[in-house]
Every structure is written in C-alpha cells, then in structure tokens.
Protein backbone atom coordinates (compact mmCIF):
# COMPACT_ATOMS: atom_id res chain seq x y z
CA MET A 1 72.50 139.50 105.00
CA ARG A 2 71.70 135.82 104.36
CA ASP A 3 74.14 135.73 101.35
CA LEU A 4 76.75 137.17 103.56
CA VAL A 5 76.16 134.52 106.11
CA LEU A 6 76.43 131.73 103.59
CA ARG A 7 79.55 133.04 102.13
CA ALA A 8 81.27 133.30 105.39
CA ALA A 9 80.05 129.74 106.34
CA ASN A 10 81.35 128.46 103.10
CA LEU A 11 84.75 130.16 103.43
CA ALA A 12 85.07 128.93 106.94
CA LEU A 13 84.93 125.43 105.56
CA LEU A 14 88.17 126.21 103.82
CA VAL A 15 89.86 126.47 107.10
CA LEU A 16 87.73 123.70 108.96
CA TYR A 17 88.42 121.02 106.32
CA PRO A 18 92.27 120.76 106.95
CA VAL A 19 91.65 121.05 110.75
CA ALA A 20 89.19 118.08 110.39
CA TRP A 21 91.72 116.11 108.29
CA ALA A 22 94.21 116.41 111.13
CA ALA A 23 91.98 115.70 114.03
CA PRO A 24 91.55 112.29 115.26
CA LEU A 25 88.76 110.47 113.60
CA LEU A 26 89.03 107.56 116.13
CA ARG A 27 91.04 105.81 118.64
CA ALA A 28 91.89 102.28 118.00
CA GLY A 29 93.88 99.57 120.01
CA LEU A 30 94.37 95.84 119.62
CA LEU A 31 93.88 95.01 123.33
CA PRO A 32 91.93 96.93 126.06
CA LEU A 33 94.95 97.14 128.42
CA PHE A 34 97.16 99.28 125.87
CA ALA A 35 96.90 102.96 124.85
CA LEU A 36 94.75 103.60 121.86
CA ASP A 37 96.44 105.04 118.69
CA GLU A 38 94.60 108.13 117.09
CA ILE A 39 93.76 107.91 113.52
CA SER A 40 93.08 111.11 111.40
CA VAL A 41 92.20 111.36 107.69
CA LEU A 42 95.77 112.25 106.98
CA THR A 43 97.47 109.33 109.05
CA GLY A 44 95.00 106.97 107.59
CA LEU A 45 95.88 108.17 104.10
CA GLN A 46 99.67 107.90 105.13
CA SER A 47 99.17 104.24 105.86
CA LEU A 48 97.02 103.46 102.96
CA TRP A 49 99.62 104.93 100.50
CA ARG A 50 102.21 102.47 101.99
CA THR A 51 99.84 99.60 101.58
CA ASP A 52 97.23 100.03 98.95
CA ILE A 53 97.63 102.62 96.48
CA VAL A 54 94.40 102.18 94.57
CA LEU A 55 92.25 102.41 97.78
CA ALA A 56 94.58 105.39 98.93
CA LEU A 57 93.64 107.23 95.71
CA VAL A 58 90.18 106.78 95.99
CA VAL A 59 89.98 107.86 99.59
CA THR A 60 92.28 110.92 98.80
CA VAL A 61 89.57 111.85 96.35
CA PHE A 62 86.68 111.50 98.60
CA ALA A 63 88.24 112.72 101.72
CA LEU A 64 90.44 115.73 100.60
CA PHE A 65 89.72 116.76 96.96
CA ALA A 66 86.02 116.26 96.56
CA PRO A 67 84.84 118.40 99.56
CA TYR A 68 87.62 121.04 99.06
CA LEU A 69 86.92 121.40 95.30
CA LYS A 70 83.38 121.66 96.06
CA THR A 71 83.76 124.36 98.66
CA ILE A 72 86.21 126.40 96.43
CA GLY A 73 83.76 125.89 93.44
CA LEU A 74 80.89 127.10 95.51
CA ALA A 75 82.81 130.14 96.86
CA LEU A 76 83.46 131.09 93.07
CA VAL A 77 79.82 130.82 92.52
CA GLN A 78 78.82 132.84 95.56
CA PHE A 79 81.33 135.56 94.38
CA GLY A 80 80.14 135.50 90.55
CA LEU A 81 83.45 134.12 89.43
CA LEU A 82 81.66 130.72 88.20
CA ASP A 83 78.46 130.44 86.41
CA ARG A 84 75.69 129.02 88.48
CA ARG A 85 75.31 126.27 85.86
CA ALA A 86 78.08 124.45 87.61
CA LEU A 87 76.05 123.75 90.77
CA PRO A 88 75.03 120.33 89.60
CA VAL A 89 78.83 119.32 89.47
CA LEU A 90 79.38 120.87 92.65
CA ALA A 91 76.58 118.77 94.17
CA VAL A 92 77.97 115.55 92.80
CA LEU A 93 81.48 116.45 94.48
CA GLY A 94 79.49 116.90 97.69
CA LYS A 95 77.95 113.55 97.44
CA LEU A 96 81.35 111.87 96.86
CA ALA A 97 82.59 113.50 100.00
CA MET A 98 79.66 112.07 101.93
CA ALA A 99 80.70 108.78 100.56
CA ASP A 100 83.86 109.01 102.69
CA VAL A 101 81.97 109.60 105.88
CA PHE A 102 79.87 106.57 105.02
CA LEU A 103 82.94 104.43 104.52
CA ILE A 104 84.54 105.47 108.01
CA ALA A 105 81.21 104.70 109.77
CA LEU A 106 81.20 101.29 108.04
CA TYR A 107 84.68 100.52 109.12
CA VAL A 108 84.11 101.65 112.63
CA THR A 109 80.87 99.38 112.90
CA LEU A 110 82.79 96.34 111.09
CA ALA A 111 85.58 96.60 113.59
CA LYS A 112 83.32 96.81 116.65
CA GLY A 113 81.26 93.84 115.36
CA ILE A 114 84.38 91.74 114.96
CA GLY A 115 85.07 92.48 118.67
CA ILE A 116 89.04 92.34 118.02
CA GLY A 117 90.59 95.34 119.92
CA ARG A 118 88.89 98.51 120.63
CA ILE A 119 87.55 101.53 118.63
CA GLU A 120 86.43 104.81 119.94
CA THR A 121 85.06 107.60 117.65
CA ALA A 122 86.93 110.93 118.32
CA TRP A 123 85.91 114.45 117.79
CA GLY A 124 87.41 114.87 114.36
CA LEU A 125 84.77 112.39 112.89
CA TYR A 126 82.28 114.84 114.11
CA LEU A 127 83.94 117.89 112.83
CA PHE A 128 84.50 116.22 109.48
CA THR A 129 80.84 115.09 109.20
CA ALA A 130 79.59 118.65 110.07
CA CYS A 131 81.92 120.12 107.50
CA ILE A 132 80.47 117.59 104.83
CA LEU A 133 76.85 118.23 106.11
CA ALA A 134 77.26 121.91 106.17
CA SER A 135 78.79 122.11 102.62
CA LEU A 136 75.82 120.08 101.20
CA VAL A 137 73.34 122.41 103.02
CA ILE A 138 75.20 125.50 101.87
CA GLY A 139 75.08 124.06 98.28
CA MET A 140 71.37 123.05 98.50
CA ILE A 141 70.56 126.66 99.50
CA GLU A 142 72.68 128.07 96.81
CA ASP A 143 71.13 125.69 94.36
CA ARG A 144 67.59 127.03 95.37
CA LYS A 145 68.56 130.61 94.86
CA GLY A 146 68.47 129.84 91.13
C-alpha cells in the first residue's frame, strides 16, 4: 500500500511541476501605486533568454530539467525499469532543483531589502517548493527501501 502511495505521489509530480512552472511565483511592481506584474518560472525564463543566455541555461537546468528528470527517473526505479543504483544520481538532481528555490528566495529577499518597488510572493512559489520537497522526501523513502 505504501509503495502504491509513493508511486502515485511521484506520478502526480509529473502533472504538478508544469502547473508550478506556469503559476505566479511572485508579483513585482516598481511603484506601490501601479499594478503588480506576475512572474512565473516560465515568464522569468523567457525574460532571461532575451538578456542573459548563460544564466537562462543554468536556471532552465535547475528549474525544469533537474526536477522533472529526477521525477521520471524515480518513477522508472519505482516500476522496476531502472536499477536502484541510479538513486544517488537522482538525489543529486533533487538537490540541484532545490538550489533553484533557494535562488528565488534569495532574489526576493534582496529585492525587498533594497526597497525599490514592491515584491509579493504568490501561490506558485509555495507549489513549486512543495513539489521539490515532496520529490526529495519520496526519493529519501525510496533510497531507504534499499
């Protein structure tokens, strides 16, 4: 029963990640009187690709590829299609994905500290963080099953 729940939770992440990528991470505005623009992982990446290709590539790996590849790899392990010896590599992918959440939190903290404009966190940041943390927990449980 526990294995079934873990498999279902991991497969749910394959749907929840794209939702989290499109969901608003934060709302930002230059002045308190004007409307706030919503920023998602995808809109942030679109902007980065136009201005800083190297940073865009790094963030794309952290935000999109690392968590999704880890989730797919973990599903393959859970269904016996990938050897359990791949779990340490999948754990590294999970840590890379967590680095992205850290970077977003750092940017929000810096922007608030500078005091120019306004930044509010939105529900997508919590969903994205929950997906990453759920993936890490599922991976740790899978690893302990050994």
